[in-house]
Protein backbone atom coordinates (compact mmCIF):
# COMPACT_ATOMS: atom_id res chain seq x y z
CA MET A 1 166.93 60.76 104.46
CA ARG A 2 170.69 60.96 104.66
CA LEU A 3 173.20 63.21 102.94
CA ALA A 4 176.89 62.31 103.32
CA ASN A 5 176.19 60.40 106.56
CA LYS A 6 174.33 63.37 108.09
CA ASP A 7 170.62 63.39 108.75
CA LEU A 8 169.07 65.68 106.11
CA CYS A 9 166.19 66.64 108.40
CA GLN A 10 168.68 67.74 111.07
CA HIS A 11 170.63 69.68 108.44
CA PHE A 12 167.52 71.69 107.52
CA LYS A 13 166.48 72.04 111.16
CA ASN A 14 169.85 73.62 111.95
CA ALA A 15 169.12 76.08 109.13
CA GLY A 16 165.80 76.97 110.77
CA LEU A 17 163.45 74.81 108.69
CA ASP A 18 161.77 71.80 110.29
CA LEU A 19 161.08 69.30 107.50
CA ALA A 20 159.22 66.97 109.85
CA LYS A 21 156.32 69.45 110.09
CA LEU A 22 155.93 69.90 106.32
CA THR A 23 153.88 67.90 103.83
CA HIS A 24 155.65 65.34 101.66
CA ARG A 25 155.18 67.49 98.53
CA ARG A 26 156.63 70.57 100.25
CA LYS A 27 159.62 68.54 101.48
CA ILE A 28 160.35 67.40 97.93
CA GLU A 29 160.10 70.98 96.63
CA ILE A 30 162.48 72.32 99.26
CA ILE A 31 164.99 69.50 98.86
CA SER A 32 164.87 69.88 95.05
CA VAL A 33 165.67 73.59 95.34
CA TYR A 34 168.44 72.78 97.81
CA PHE A 35 170.10 70.31 95.43
CA THR A 36 169.60 72.69 92.49
CA TRP A 37 171.46 75.42 94.38
CA ILE A 38 174.26 73.01 95.30
CA SER A 39 174.62 72.10 91.62
CA LEU A 40 174.57 75.78 90.62
CA MET A 41 177.26 76.64 93.16
CA MET A 42 179.45 73.74 92.02
CA ASN A 43 179.10 74.78 88.36
CA THR A 44 179.93 78.38 89.25
CA TRP A 45 183.02 77.24 91.15
CA GLU A 46 184.09 75.03 88.24
CA LEU A 47 183.67 77.88 85.75
CA SER A 48 185.58 80.37 87.90
CA THR A 49 188.39 77.86 88.39
CA TYR A 50 188.53 77.25 84.64
CA CYS A 51 188.70 81.01 83.95
CA LEU A 52 191.45 81.51 86.52
CA ASP A 53 193.43 78.64 85.01
CA GLU A 54 193.16 80.23 81.57
CA ILE A 55 194.22 83.64 82.88
CA THR A 56 197.17 82.10 84.72
CA GLY A 57 198.19 80.15 81.61
CA THR A 58 198.02 83.29 79.47
CA LEU A 59 200.16 85.24 81.94
CA GLN A 60 202.71 82.43 82.07
CA THR A 61 202.89 82.37 78.27
CA ILE A 62 203.43 86.14 78.16
CA GLN A 63 206.11 85.87 80.84
CA PHE A 64 207.84 83.06 78.93
CA TRP A 65 207.94 84.99 75.66
CA MET A 66 209.09 88.21 77.36
CA ALA A 67 211.96 86.34 79.04
CA HIS A 68 212.79 84.49 75.81
CA CYS A 69 212.86 87.71 73.76
CA TYR A 70 214.87 89.50 76.46
CA ASN A 71 217.46 86.70 76.41
CA MET A 72 217.69 86.96 72.61
CA VAL A 73 218.05 90.76 72.50
CA ILE A 74 220.51 91.34 75.37
CA PRO A 75 223.28 88.97 74.12
CA ASN A 76 223.07 90.53 70.64
CA GLN A 77 223.70 94.03 72.03
CA LYS A 78 227.06 93.19 73.61
């Protein structure tokens, strides 16, 4: 089994879990959980990035309108 050109068994062995000693069913269960967690982490990252983009966009809009209103008010006061 290979994952991104790295031996998946070695990957788990480095984490302290020797897949070679487990039954085939147990290997599938562990690998399924592993890929589920990877998917969950990627979705969490995507959601947090989306939220940060929206917050940044909102702040930029507020900054734009504050600067625009300031430029309209100051010249009229002179």
